[in-house]
C-alpha atoms as a PDB file:
ATOM      1  CA  MET A   1     116.751 104.410  97.045  1.00  0.00           C
ATOM      2  CA  LYS A   2     113.235 104.168  98.359  1.00  0.00           C
ATOM      3  CA  SER A   3     112.609 102.078 101.424  1.00  0.00           C
ATOM      4  CA  PRO A   4     110.358  99.107 101.267  1.00  0.00           C
ATOM      5  CA  GLU A   5     106.691  99.853 102.002  1.00  0.00           C
ATOM      6  CA  PHE A   6     106.352  96.875 104.463  1.00  0.00           C
ATOM      7  CA  TRP A   7     108.808  98.639 106.751  1.00  0.00           C
ATOM      8  CA  TRP A   8     106.233 101.169 107.500  1.00  0.00           C
ATOM      9  CA  ALA A   9     102.997  99.206 107.214  1.00  0.00           C
ATOM     10  CA  ASP A  10     100.990  97.868 110.285  1.00  0.00           C
ATOM     11  CA  ARG A  11      98.807  95.539 108.274  1.00  0.00           C
ATOM     12  CA  GLY A  12      98.681  93.428 105.240  1.00  0.00           C
ATOM     13  CA  TRP A  13     100.288  90.056 104.286  1.00  0.00           C
ATOM     14  CA  ARG A  14     103.593  91.696 103.267  1.00  0.00           C
ATOM     15  CA  ALA A  15     103.914  93.553 106.588  1.00  0.00           C
ATOM     16  CA  ALA A  16     103.348  90.118 108.301  1.00  0.00           C
ATOM     17  CA  LEU A  17     105.350  87.754 106.050  1.00  0.00           C
ATOM     18  CA  TYR A  18     108.440  89.751 104.846  1.00  0.00           C
ATOM     19  CA  PRO A  19     109.782  90.712 108.355  1.00  0.00           C
ATOM     20  CA  LEU A  20     109.407  86.978 109.461  1.00  0.00           C
ATOM     21  CA  LEU A  21     111.315  85.772 106.348  1.00  0.00           C
ATOM     22  CA  LEU A  22     113.983  88.327 106.809  1.00  0.00           C
ATOM     23  CA  ALA A  23     114.307  87.897 110.672  1.00  0.00           C
ATOM     24  CA  PRO A  24     117.517  85.782 110.402  1.00  0.00           C
ATOM     25  CA  ALA A  25     119.329  88.417 108.284  1.00  0.00           C
ATOM     26  CA  ALA A  26     118.101  91.121 110.473  1.00  0.00           C
ATOM     27  CA  ALA A  27     119.511  89.282 113.534  1.00  0.00           C
ATOM     28  CA  VAL A  28     122.939  89.078 111.893  1.00  0.00           C
ATOM     29  CA  TYR A  29     122.868  92.690 110.758  1.00  0.00           C
ATOM     30  CA  GLY A  30     121.568  93.922 114.133  1.00  0.00           C
ATOM     31  CA  GLY A  31     124.140  91.961 116.142  1.00  0.00           C
ATOM     32  CA  ALA A  32     127.025  93.320 114.020  1.00  0.00           C
ATOM     33  CA  ALA A  33     125.626  96.865 114.216  1.00  0.00           C
ATOM     34  CA  ALA A  34     125.310  96.651 118.105  1.00  0.00           C
ATOM     35  CA  ARG A  35     128.893  95.346 118.408  1.00  0.00           C
ATOM     36  CA  ARG A  36     130.237  98.143 116.241  1.00  0.00           C
ATOM     37  CA  MET A  37     128.401 100.867 118.187  1.00  0.00           C
ATOM     38  CA  ALA A  38     129.888  99.566 121.329  1.00  0.00           C
ATOM     39  CA  ARG A  39     133.464 100.338 120.340  1.00  0.00           C
ATOM     40  CA  PRO A  40     135.034 103.354 122.105  1.00  0.00           C
ATOM     41  CA  GLY A  41     135.625 106.414 119.999  1.00  0.00           C
ATOM     42  CA  VAL A  42     138.594 108.747 119.769  1.00  0.00           C
ATOM     43  CA  ARG A  43     138.370 111.965 121.762  1.00  0.00           C
ATOM     44  CA  PRO A  44     138.027 114.951 119.407  1.00  0.00           C
ATOM     45  CA  PRO A  45     139.638 118.435 119.919  1.00  0.00           C
ATOM     46  CA  LEU A  46     136.357 119.936 120.688  1.00  0.00           C
ATOM     47  CA  PRO A  47     132.998 118.643 121.929  1.00  0.00           C
ATOM     48  CA  ILE A  48     130.796 116.926 119.294  1.00  0.00           C
ATOM     49  CA  VAL A  49     126.915 117.114 119.434  1.00  0.00           C
ATOM     50  CA  CYS A  50     125.687 114.365 117.037  1.00  0.00           C
ATOM     51  CA  VAL A  51     122.280 114.723 115.283  1.00  0.00           C
ATOM     52  CA  GLY A  52     121.379 111.219 114.220  1.00  0.00           C
ATOM     53  CA  ASN A  53     118.323 108.956 113.654  1.00  0.00           C
ATOM     54  CA  TYR A  54     117.472 105.354 114.472  1.00  0.00           C
ATOM     55  CA  VAL A  55     116.276 104.380 111.072  1.00  0.00           C
ATOM     56  CA  ALA A  56     117.382 104.440 107.465  1.00  0.00           C
ATOM     57  CA  GLY A  57     116.121 107.489 105.513  1.00  0.00           C
ATOM     58  CA  GLY A  58     115.323 111.062 106.399  1.00  0.00           C
ATOM     59  CA  ALA A  59     113.977 112.330 109.541  1.00  0.00           C
ATOM     60  CA  GLY A  60     114.854 116.052 109.541  1.00  0.00           C
ATOM     61  CA  LYS A  61     118.394 115.837 110.809  1.00  0.00           C
ATOM     62  CA  THR A  62     119.828 118.768 108.728  1.00  0.00           C
ATOM     63  CA  PRO A  63     117.169 121.198 109.824  1.00  0.00           C
ATOM     64  CA  THR A  64     117.740 120.120 113.338  1.00  0.00           C
ATOM     65  CA  ALA A  65     121.457 120.600 113.074  1.00  0.00           C
ATOM     66  CA  LEU A  66     120.933 124.193 111.610  1.00  0.00           C
ATOM     67  CA  ALA A  67     118.538 124.937 114.531  1.00  0.00           C
ATOM     68  CA  LEU A  68     120.975 123.724 117.211  1.00  0.00           C
ATOM     69  CA  ALA A  69     123.748 125.826 115.537  1.00  0.00           C
ATOM     70  CA  ALA A  70     121.482 128.902 115.817  1.00  0.00           C
ATOM     71  CA  ILE A  71     120.894 128.380 119.477  1.00  0.00           C
ATOM     72  CA  ALA A  72     124.691 127.959 120.117  1.00  0.00           C
ATOM     73  CA  GLN A  73     125.592 130.983 118.095  1.00  0.00           C
ATOM     74  CA  ALA A  74     122.919 133.040 119.832  1.00  0.00           C
ATOM     75  CA  ARG A  75     124.740 132.145 123.063  1.00  0.00           C
ATOM     76  CA  GLY A  76     127.992 133.364 121.661  1.00  0.00           C
ATOM     77  CA  VAL A  77     129.398 129.822 120.932  1.00  0.00           C
ATOM     78  CA  PRO A  78     131.209 129.454 117.620  1.00  0.00           C
ATOM     79  CA  VAL A  79     130.035 126.356 115.714  1.00  0.00           C
ATOM     80  CA  VAL A  80     131.533 124.119 113.034  1.00  0.00           C
ATOM     81  CA  PHE A  81     129.571 121.322 111.182  1.00  0.00           C
ATOM     82  CA  LEU A  82     130.970 117.988 110.445  1.00  0.00           C
ATOM     83  CA  THR A  83     129.320 115.653 107.834  1.00  0.00           C
ATOM     84  CA  ARG A  84     130.341 112.797 105.652  1.00  0.00           C
ATOM     85  CA  GLY A  85     129.126 114.524 102.525  1.00  0.00           C
ATOM     86  CA  TYR A  86     126.648 111.906 101.380  1.00  0.00           C
ATOM     87  CA  GLY A  87     126.226 111.929  97.554  1.00  0.00           C
ATOM     88  CA  GLY A  88     129.537 113.844  97.040  1.00  0.00           C
ATOM     89  CA  ARG A  89     132.603 112.481  95.432  1.00  0.00           C
ATOM     90  CA  LEU A  90     135.132 114.064  97.901  1.00  0.00           C
ATOM     91  CA  LYS A  91     136.167 111.733 100.796  1.00  0.00           C
ATOM     92  CA  GLY A  92     137.803 114.651 102.678  1.00  0.00           C
ATOM     93  CA  PRO A  93     138.698 115.967 104.996  1.00  0.00           C
ATOM     94  CA  VAL A  94     137.993 119.189 103.326  1.00  0.00           C
ATOM     95  CA  ARG A  95     136.347 122.511 104.420  1.00  0.00           C
ATOM     96  CA  VAL A  96     133.334 123.306 102.153  1.00  0.00           C
ATOM     97  CA  ASP A  97     133.787 126.358  99.953  1.00  0.00           C
ATOM     98  CA  THR A  98     130.417 127.303  98.500  1.00  0.00           C
ATOM     99  CA  ALA A  99     131.987 129.255  95.842  1.00  0.00           C
ATOM    100  CA  VAL A 100     133.984 126.216  94.668  1.00  0.00           C
ATOM    101  CA  HIS A 101     132.129 123.150  95.677  1.00  0.00           C
ATOM    102  CA  ASP A 102     128.976 121.754  94.235  1.00  0.00           C
ATOM    103  CA  THR A 103     126.705 118.802  95.216  1.00  0.00           C
ATOM    104  CA  ARG A 104     128.667 116.625  93.041  1.00  0.00           C
ATOM    105  CA  ALA A 105     131.703 117.302  95.236  1.00  0.00           C
ATOM    106  CA  VAL A 106     130.310 117.419  98.671  1.00  0.00           C
ATOM    107  CA  GLY A 107     126.637 116.547  98.609  1.00  0.00           C
ATOM    108  CA  ASP A 108     123.501 118.662  99.183  1.00  0.00           C
ATOM    109  CA  GLU A 109     123.515 118.632 103.009  1.00  0.00           C
ATOM    110  CA  ALA A 110     127.031 119.971 103.237  1.00  0.00           C
ATOM    111  CA  LEU A 111     126.159 123.017 101.078  1.00  0.00           C
ATOM    112  CA  LEU A 112     123.097 123.825 103.142  1.00  0.00           C
ATOM    113  CA  LEU A 113     125.040 123.592 106.428  1.00  0.00           C
ATOM    114  CA  ALA A 114     127.898 125.658 104.966  1.00  0.00           C
ATOM    115  CA  ARG A 115     125.452 128.633 104.497  1.00  0.00           C
ATOM    116  CA  SER A 116     125.207 128.931 108.302  1.00  0.00           C
ATOM    117  CA  ALA A 117     128.678 127.991 109.662  1.00  0.00           C
ATOM    118  CA  PRO A 118     132.128 126.495 108.673  1.00  0.00           C
ATOM    119  CA  THR A 119     131.538 122.932 107.424  1.00  0.00           C
ATOM    120  CA  ILE A 120     133.931 120.099 107.104  1.00  0.00           C
ATOM    121  CA  VAL A 121     133.318 116.999 104.938  1.00  0.00           C
ATOM    122  CA  SER A 122     135.041 113.851 106.015  1.00  0.00           C
ATOM    123  CA  ARG A 123     133.915 110.282 105.494  1.00  0.00           C
ATOM    124  CA  ASP A 124     136.440 109.329 108.187  1.00  0.00           C
ATOM    125  CA  ARG A 125     135.245 111.577 110.990  1.00  0.00           C
ATOM    126  CA  ALA A 126     138.395 111.242 113.029  1.00  0.00           C
ATOM    127  CA  ALA A 127     140.556 112.350 110.040  1.00  0.00           C
ATOM    128  CA  ALA A 128     138.790 115.759 110.298  1.00  0.00           C
ATOM    129  CA  PHE A 129     140.189 116.496 113.759  1.00  0.00           C
ATOM    130  CA  ASP A 130     142.934 118.886 112.554  1.00  0.00           C
ATOM    131  CA  LEU A 131     140.492 120.963 110.480  1.00  0.00           C
ATOM    132  CA  LEU A 132     138.092 121.027 113.489  1.00  0.00           C
ATOM    133  CA  ALA A 133     140.879 122.312 115.680  1.00  0.00           C
ATOM    134  CA  GLU A 134     141.786 124.955 113.200  1.00  0.00           C
ATOM    135  CA  SER A 135     138.183 126.217 112.699  1.00  0.00           C
ATOM    136  CA  GLY A 136     138.228 128.329 115.815  1.00  0.00           C
ATOM    137  CA  ALA A 137     134.864 126.853 116.891  1.00  0.00           C
ATOM    138  CA  ARG A 138     134.102 125.859 120.381  1.00  0.00           C
ATOM    139  CA  LEU A 139     131.408 123.314 119.435  1.00  0.00           C
ATOM    140  CA  CYS A 140     131.033 120.743 116.491  1.00  0.00           C
ATOM    141  CA  ILE A 141     127.631 119.682 115.445  1.00  0.00           C
ATOM    142  CA  MET A 142     127.867 116.426 113.461  1.00  0.00           C
ATOM    143  CA  ASP A 143     125.025 115.769 110.917  1.00  0.00           C
ATOM    144  CA  ASP A 144     124.458 112.003 110.958  1.00  0.00           C
ATOM    145  CA  GLY A 145     126.988 109.408 112.336  1.00  0.00           C
ATOM    146  CA  PHE A 146     125.019 108.427 115.427  1.00  0.00           C
ATOM    147  CA  GLN A 147     125.770 104.698 114.647  1.00  0.00           C
ATOM    148  CA  ASN A 148     129.377 105.515 113.775  1.00  0.00           C
ATOM    149  CA  PRO A 149     131.633 104.780 116.892  1.00  0.00           C
ATOM    150  CA  SER A 150     134.868 106.298 115.453  1.00  0.00           C
ATOM    151  CA  VAL A 151     134.593 109.617 117.489  1.00  0.00           C
ATOM    152  CA  GLU A 152     133.520 110.230 121.046  1.00  0.00           C
ATOM    153  CA  LYS A 153     130.370 112.298 121.308  1.00  0.00           C
ATOM    154  CA  ALA A 154     129.507 114.795 124.076  1.00  0.00           C
ATOM    155  CA  LEU A 155     125.861 114.452 123.334  1.00  0.00           C
ATOM    156  CA  SER A 156     123.744 112.496 120.687  1.00  0.00           C
ATOM    157  CA  ILE A 157     120.270 113.944 119.866  1.00  0.00           C
ATOM    158  CA  VAL A 158     118.251 111.383 117.870  1.00  0.00           C
ATOM    159  CA  VAL A 159     115.598 112.764 115.527  1.00  0.00           C
ATOM    160  CA  VAL A 160     112.373 110.831 115.120  1.00  0.00           C
ATOM    161  CA  ASP A 161     109.763 111.641 112.522  1.00  0.00           C
ATOM    162  CA  ALA A 162     106.727 111.571 114.676  1.00  0.00           C
ATOM    163  CA  ALA A 163     104.436 110.738 111.725  1.00  0.00           C
ATOM    164  CA  VAL A 164     106.078 107.325 111.139  1.00  0.00           C
ATOM    165  CA  GLY A 165     108.345 106.542 114.237  1.00  0.00           C
ATOM    166  CA  VAL A 166     110.484 103.617 113.706  1.00  0.00           C
ATOM    167  CA  GLY A 167     108.175 101.902 111.344  1.00  0.00           C
ATOM    168  CA  ASN A 168     107.652  98.146 112.309  1.00  0.00           C
ATOM    169  CA  GLY A 169     110.411  98.280 114.847  1.00  0.00           C
ATOM    170  CA  ARG A 170     112.639  95.801 113.229  1.00  0.00           C
ATOM    171  CA  VAL A 171     116.293  95.953 112.004  1.00  0.00           C
ATOM    172  CA  ILE A 172     117.395  96.190 108.456  1.00  0.00           C
ATOM    173  CA  PRO A 173     116.461  94.363 106.218  1.00  0.00           C
ATOM    174  CA  ALA A 174     113.242  93.273 108.095  1.00  0.00           C
ATOM    175  CA  GLY A 175     112.614  96.922 109.059  1.00  0.00           C
ATOM    176  CA  PRO A 176     114.081 100.382 108.992  1.00  0.00           C
ATOM    177  CA  LEU A 177     116.126 100.485 112.242  1.00  0.00           C
ATOM    178  CA  ARG A 178     119.919 100.704 111.738  1.00  0.00           C
ATOM    179  CA  ALA A 179     120.514  98.643 114.972  1.00  0.00           C
ATOM    180  CA  PRO A 180     118.259  97.332 117.681  1.00  0.00           C
ATOM    181  CA  LEU A 181     116.262 100.111 119.249  1.00  0.00           C
ATOM    182  CA  LEU A 182     117.274  99.326 122.791  1.00  0.00           C
ATOM    183  CA  GLU A 183     121.076  99.305 121.878  1.00  0.00           C
ATOM    184  CA  GLN A 184     120.595 102.652 120.182  1.00  0.00           C
ATOM    185  CA  MET A 185     118.698 104.069 123.084  1.00  0.00           C
ATOM    186  CA  ARG A 186     121.567 103.351 125.412  1.00  0.00           C
ATOM    187  CA  ARG A 187     123.750 105.684 123.491  1.00  0.00           C
ATOM    188  CA  THR A 188     121.095 108.411 123.116  1.00  0.00           C
ATOM    189  CA  GLY A 189     121.318 111.625 125.002  1.00  0.00           C
ATOM    190  CA  ALA A 190     117.883 112.887 124.050  1.00  0.00           C
ATOM    191  CA  VAL A 191     115.048 111.876 121.657  1.00  0.00           C
ATOM    192  CA  LEU A 192     113.604 114.677 119.462  1.00  0.00           C
ATOM    193  CA  LEU A 193     110.194 114.010 118.066  1.00  0.00           C
ATOM    194  CA  VAL A 194     109.713 116.215 114.987  1.00  0.00           C
ATOM    195  CA  GLY A 195     106.274 116.980 113.622  1.00  0.00           C
ATOM    196  CA  GLY A 196     103.058 114.969 113.933  1.00  0.00           C
ATOM    197  CA  THR A 197     101.157 114.091 117.070  1.00  0.00           C
ATOM    198  CA  PRO A 198     102.577 111.514 119.389  1.00  0.00           C
ATOM    199  CA  GLY A 199     100.563 108.274 119.023  1.00  0.00           C
ATOM    200  CA  PRO A 200     101.026 104.616 118.042  1.00  0.00           C
ATOM    201  CA  ALA A 201     103.883 105.416 115.641  1.00  0.00           C
ATOM    202  CA  THR A 202     106.033 107.002 118.331  1.00  0.00           C
ATOM    203  CA  ASP A 203     104.916 104.908 121.345  1.00  0.00           C
ATOM    204  CA  PRO A 204     107.771 102.321 121.065  1.00  0.00           C
ATOM    205  CA  VAL A 205     110.282 105.172 121.156  1.00  0.00           C
ATOM    206  CA  VAL A 206     108.737 107.064 124.019  1.00  0.00           C
ATOM    207  CA  ARG A 207     108.502 103.854 126.126  1.00  0.00           C
ATOM    208  CA  ALA A 208     112.093 102.937 125.370  1.00  0.00           C
ATOM    209  CA  ALA A 209     113.184 106.414 126.275  1.00  0.00           C
ATOM    210  CA  ALA A 210     111.292 106.330 129.566  1.00  0.00           C
ATOM    211  CA  ARG A 211     112.817 102.921 130.493  1.00  0.00           C
ATOM    212  CA  ALA A 212     116.194 104.265 129.789  1.00  0.00           C
ATOM    213  CA  GLY A 213     115.645 107.666 131.440  1.00  0.00           C
ATOM    214  CA  ARG A 214     116.190 109.694 128.334  1.00  0.00           C
ATOM    215  CA  PRO A 215     114.323 112.973 127.811  1.00  0.00           C
ATOM    216  CA  VAL A 216     111.899 113.213 124.987  1.00  0.00           C
ATOM    217  CA  LEU A 217     111.832 116.706 123.294  1.00  0.00           C
ATOM    218  CA  ARG A 218     109.518 118.157 120.655  1.00  0.00           C
ATOM    219  CA  ALA A 219     109.929 120.221 117.568  1.00  0.00           C
ATOM    220  CA  ARG A 220     108.015 121.108 114.365  1.00  0.00           C
ATOM    221  CA  LEU A 221     109.071 121.975 110.869  1.00  0.00           C
ATOM    222  CA  GLU A 222     107.763 125.352 109.772  1.00  0.00           C
ATOM    223  CA  PRO A 223     107.875 126.994 106.332  1.00  0.00           C
ATOM    224  CA  GLN A 224     110.342 129.969 106.149  1.00  0.00           C
ATOM    225  CA  ALA A 225     108.015 131.973 103.791  1.00  0.00           C
ATOM    226  CA  GLY A 226     104.800 129.829 103.690  1.00  0.00           C
ATOM    227  CA  GLY A 227     102.680 132.943 102.630  1.00  0.00           C
ATOM    228  CA  ALA A 228     104.398 133.096  99.273  1.00  0.00           C
ATOM    229  CA  PHE A 229     102.768 129.841  98.109  1.00  0.00           C
ATOM    230  CA  ALA A 230      99.183 130.545  99.284  1.00  0.00           C
ATOM    231  CA  GLY A 231      96.738 130.006  96.370  1.00  0.00           C
ATOM    232  CA  ARG A 232      99.468 129.028  93.901  1.00  0.00           C
ATOM    233  CA  ARG A 233      98.843 126.060  91.684  1.00  0.00           C
ATOM    234  CA  VAL A 234     102.013 124.095  91.886  1.00  0.00           C
ATOM    235  CA  LEU A 235     103.887 121.022  90.631  1.00  0.00           C
ATOM    236  CA  ALA A 236     105.810 119.769  93.717  1.00  0.00           C
ATOM    237  CA  PHE A 237     108.956 117.657  93.201  1.00  0.00           C
ATOM    238  CA  ALA A 238     111.310 116.310  95.713  1.00  0.00           C
ATOM    239  CA  GLY A 239     114.161 113.753  96.106  1.00  0.00           C
ATOM    240  CA  ILE A 240     114.158 113.413  99.887  1.00  0.00           C
ATOM    241  CA  GLY A 241     113.652 110.769 102.426  1.00  0.00           C
ATOM    242  CA  ARG A 242     109.800 111.184 102.646  1.00  0.00           C
ATOM    243  CA  PRO A 243     108.581 113.392  99.607  1.00  0.00           C
ATOM    244  CA  GLU A 244     105.045 113.040 100.805  1.00  0.00           C
ATOM    245  CA  LYS A 245     106.010 115.074 103.931  1.00  0.00           C
ATOM    246  CA  PHE A 246     107.086 117.922 101.618  1.00  0.00           C
ATOM    247  CA  PHE A 247     103.923 117.745  99.591  1.00  0.00           C
ATOM    248  CA  GLU A 248     101.717 117.908 102.712  1.00  0.00           C
ATOM    249  CA  ALA A 249     103.677 120.776 104.154  1.00  0.00           C
ATOM    250  CA  LEU A 250     103.340 122.687 100.916  1.00  0.00           C
ATOM    251  CA  ALA A 251      99.577 122.090 100.828  1.00  0.00           C
ATOM    252  CA  ALA A 252      99.298 123.118 104.561  1.00  0.00           C
ATOM    253  CA  ALA A 253     100.957 126.390 103.514  1.00  0.00           C
ATOM    254  CA  GLY A 254      97.965 127.162 101.328  1.00  0.00           C
ATOM    255  CA  ALA A 255      99.354 125.891  97.900  1.00  0.00           C
ATOM    256  CA  GLU A 256      97.160 124.009  95.506  1.00  0.00           C
ATOM    257  CA  VAL A 257      99.297 120.984  94.885  1.00  0.00           C
ATOM    258  CA  VAL A 258      97.928 120.022  91.494  1.00  0.00           C
ATOM    259  CA  GLU A 259     100.725 117.515  90.679  1.00  0.00           C
ATOM    260  CA  THR A 260     103.494 115.738  92.572  1.00  0.00           C
ATOM    261  CA  ALA A 261     106.697 114.159  91.438  1.00  0.00           C
ATOM    262  CA  PRO A 262     108.585 112.015  94.041  1.00  0.00           C
ATOM    263  CA  PHE A 263     112.203 110.929  93.556  1.00  0.00           C
ATOM    264  CA  PRO A 264     114.548 108.794  95.622  1.00  0.00           C
ATOM    265  CA  ASP A 265     116.515 110.400  98.376  1.00  0.00           C
ATOM    266  CA  HIS A 266     119.438 112.536  97.124  1.00  0.00           C
ATOM    267  CA  HIS A 267     118.380 112.076  93.630  1.00  0.00           C
ATOM    268  CA  ALA A 268     120.692 113.635  91.056  1.00  0.00           C
ATOM    269  CA  PHE A 269     118.330 115.211  88.589  1.00  0.00           C
ATOM    270  CA  ARG A 270     119.193 114.369  84.860  1.00  0.00           C
ATOM    271  CA  THR A 271     118.320 116.196  81.766  1.00  0.00           C
ATOM    272  CA  GLY A 272     115.434 113.880  81.115  1.00  0.00           C
ATOM    273  CA  ASP A 273     113.982 114.469  84.531  1.00  0.00           C
ATOM    274  CA  ALA A 274     114.219 118.249  84.126  1.00  0.00           C
ATOM    275  CA  ARG A 275     112.611 118.033  80.654  1.00  0.00           C
ATOM    276  CA  ARG A 276     109.609 116.002  81.855  1.00  0.00           C
ATOM    277  CA  LEU A 277     109.078 118.188  84.910  1.00  0.00           C
ATOM    278  CA  LEU A 278     109.087 121.371  82.767  1.00  0.00           C
ATOM    279  CA  ALA A 279     106.663 119.693  80.223  1.00  0.00           C
ATOM    280  CA  ARG A 280     104.319 118.793  83.034  1.00  0.00           C
ATOM    281  CA  ALA A 281     104.454 122.322  84.535  1.00  0.00           C
ATOM    282  CA  GLU A 282     103.850 123.919  81.112  1.00  0.00           C
ATOM    283  CA  ALA A 283     100.954 121.566  80.172  1.00  0.00           C
ATOM    284  CA  GLY A 284      99.195 122.377  83.460  1.00  0.00           C
ATOM    285  CA  ASP A 285     100.254 125.946  83.833  1.00  0.00           C
ATOM    286  CA  LEU A 286     101.792 125.057  87.109  1.00  0.00           C
ATOM    287  CA  LEU A 287     104.651 126.553  89.152  1.00  0.00           C
ATOM    288  CA  PRO A 288     107.330 124.123  89.871  1.00  0.00           C
ATOM    289  CA  VAL A 289     108.240 123.989  93.622  1.00  0.00           C
ATOM    290  CA  THR A 290     110.917 122.057  95.346  1.00  0.00           C
ATOM    291  CA  THR A 291     112.937 121.624  98.620  1.00  0.00           C
ATOM    292  CA  GLU A 292     116.199 123.391  99.524  1.00  0.00           C
ATOM    293  CA  LYS A 293     118.029 120.126  99.264  1.00  0.00           C
ATOM    294  CA  ASP A 294     116.793 119.574  95.760  1.00  0.00           C
ATOM    295  CA  ALA A 295     117.505 123.171  94.694  1.00  0.00           C
ATOM    296  CA  VAL A 296     121.155 122.894  95.646  1.00  0.00           C
ATOM    297  CA  ARG A 297     121.460 119.770  93.442  1.00  0.00           C
ATOM    298  CA  LEU A 298     120.112 121.817  90.546  1.00  0.00           C
ATOM    299  CA  ALA A 299     122.072 124.917  91.290  1.00  0.00           C
ATOM    300  CA  HIS A 300     125.230 123.799  89.482  1.00  0.00           C
ATOM    301  CA  ALA A 301     123.496 123.520  86.003  1.00  0.00           C
ATOM    302  CA  THR A 302     124.321 126.338  83.750  1.00  0.00           C
ATOM    303  CA  GLU A 303     122.491 125.459  80.573  1.00  0.00           C
ATOM    304  CA  GLY A 304     119.831 123.093  79.217  1.00  0.00           C
ATOM    305  CA  PRO A 305     116.656 121.798  80.895  1.00  0.00           C
ATOM    306  CA  ARG A 306     118.221 121.479  84.392  1.00  0.00           C
ATOM    307  CA  ALA A 307     119.198 125.128  84.393  1.00  0.00           C
ATOM    308  CA  ALA A 308     115.759 126.040  83.051  1.00  0.00           C
ATOM    309  CA  LEU A 309     114.066 124.071  85.850  1.00  0.00           C
ATOM    310  CA  ALA A 310     116.345 125.707  88.390  1.00  0.00           C
ATOM    311  CA  ALA A 311     115.475 129.160  87.239  1.00  0.00           C
ATOM    312  CA  ARG A 312     111.634 128.359  87.052  1.00  0.00           C
ATOM    313  CA  SER A 313     111.327 126.659  90.369  1.00  0.00           C
ATOM    314  CA  LEU A 314     110.569 128.240  93.687  1.00  0.00           C
ATOM    315  CA  VAL A 315     112.102 126.789  96.847  1.00  0.00           C
ATOM    316  CA  PHE A 316     109.953 125.848  99.765  1.00  0.00           C
ATOM    317  CA  GLY A 317     112.284 126.404 102.764  1.00  0.00           C
ATOM    318  CA  ILE A 318     111.653 124.883 106.190  1.00  0.00           C
ATOM    319  CA  GLN A 319     113.108 125.533 109.570  1.00  0.00           C
ATOM    320  CA  CYS A 320     113.153 123.420 112.771  1.00  0.00           C
ATOM    321  CA  VAL A 321     111.447 125.142 115.753  1.00  0.00           C
ATOM    322  CA  PHE A 322     111.981 123.620 119.113  1.00  0.00           C
ATOM    323  CA  GLU A 323     109.007 123.575 121.486  1.00  0.00           C
ATOM    324  CA  ASP A 324     111.484 124.472 124.305  1.00  0.00           C
ATOM    325  CA  PRO A 325     114.511 126.290 122.981  1.00  0.00           C
ATOM    326  CA  ALA A 326     115.862 127.263 126.335  1.00  0.00           C
ATOM    327  CA  ARG A 327     116.014 123.651 127.400  1.00  0.00           C
ATOM    328  CA  ILE A 328     117.973 122.848 124.171  1.00  0.00           C
ATOM    329  CA  GLY A 329     120.428 125.503 125.037  1.00  0.00           C
ATOM    330  CA  ARG A 330     120.907 124.242 128.482  1.00  0.00           C
ATOM    331  CA  MET A 331     121.437 120.790 127.141  1.00  0.00           C
ATOM    332  CA  LEU A 332     124.162 122.014 124.787  1.00  0.00           C
ATOM    333  CA  ALA A 333     125.903 124.069 127.468  1.00  0.00           C
ATOM    334  CA  ASP A 334     125.789 121.045 129.938  1.00  0.00           C
ATOM    335  CA  ALA A 335     127.180 118.682 127.297  1.00  0.00           C
ATOM    336  CA  VAL A 336     130.118 121.079 126.662  1.00  0.00           C
ATOM    337  CA  ASP A 337     130.778 121.390 130.375  1.00  0.00           C
ATOM    338  CA  ARG A 338     130.738 117.650 130.923  1.00  0.00           C
ATOM    339  CA  TRP A 339     133.057 117.099 127.924  1.00  0.00           C
ATOM    340  CA  ARG A 340     135.602 119.634 129.284  1.00  0.00           C
ATOM    341  CA  ARG A 341     135.532 118.244 132.817  1.00  0.00           C
ATOM    342  CA  SER A 342     136.046 114.662 131.444  1.00  0.00           C
ATOM    343  CA  GLY A 343     139.212 115.763 129.599  1.00  0.00           C
END
């Protein structure tokens, strides 16, 4: 589902009128969300570092979770991922098996995470405690769930897309915030600005973090093999939170993005979608290119247009690169130490 454009607009009559009309509903929603976040969580069998965001939609949580895991693993700390498995049918708790499960079962993010470390899907996070304990890990990285109070978190790192910040700064449905910003900031361990250049879009977050005494960190998303796309004429298609961010990154890597095809976040590609994309690529002599998340949603197809699209498409992989990885490593170590002492 695509978020309303007025959430992110800073001018125009819709940007002025709609938030005003929806303010009463936003106050009710925000109050309920704040009360829910204030509930105490159950202590897990190992420290949990939560990677969340303040707003509805994508912000780069999964690449951030993978980068955090790489830092922990480089320090000799075994990691396990925990995710709700958005888009999958399995409620869990279940340990992801990439040879058995597909996106229809556990969602796209779980399969990406499972390539790097053991991954557990559980819509009820606390129900996953037994599997976490059996994993042999010393640190759990939870992809999303920042607003979920069910489990105690050792550290919450909140990812903010620096290009759009928190939009108009209002709560759903008047804006993209999942709860009032100040309420969320109180439960934030660190803010991570990803991509872009700090400016008007990020100013509200930076100011709120400064008032709350929370560190603001920086990271960027880099292509894993950007040189492979230089000079290629491509049809870029994506079903992620902000498809235009993918299109821009592909162009920045040197590709000639002739056509784009945006889809809703976590879109399940159907036969008709694949047939139309293949026809557009054929007509323009274009190379279909997509994201890792979209690729895993196509990977289960074994025949027909979806399988043909999967076979023809190249994947534009990205990775999160921290500006100061040593500082991130110290934060993880400190969070684990604090959690152990508090037990």
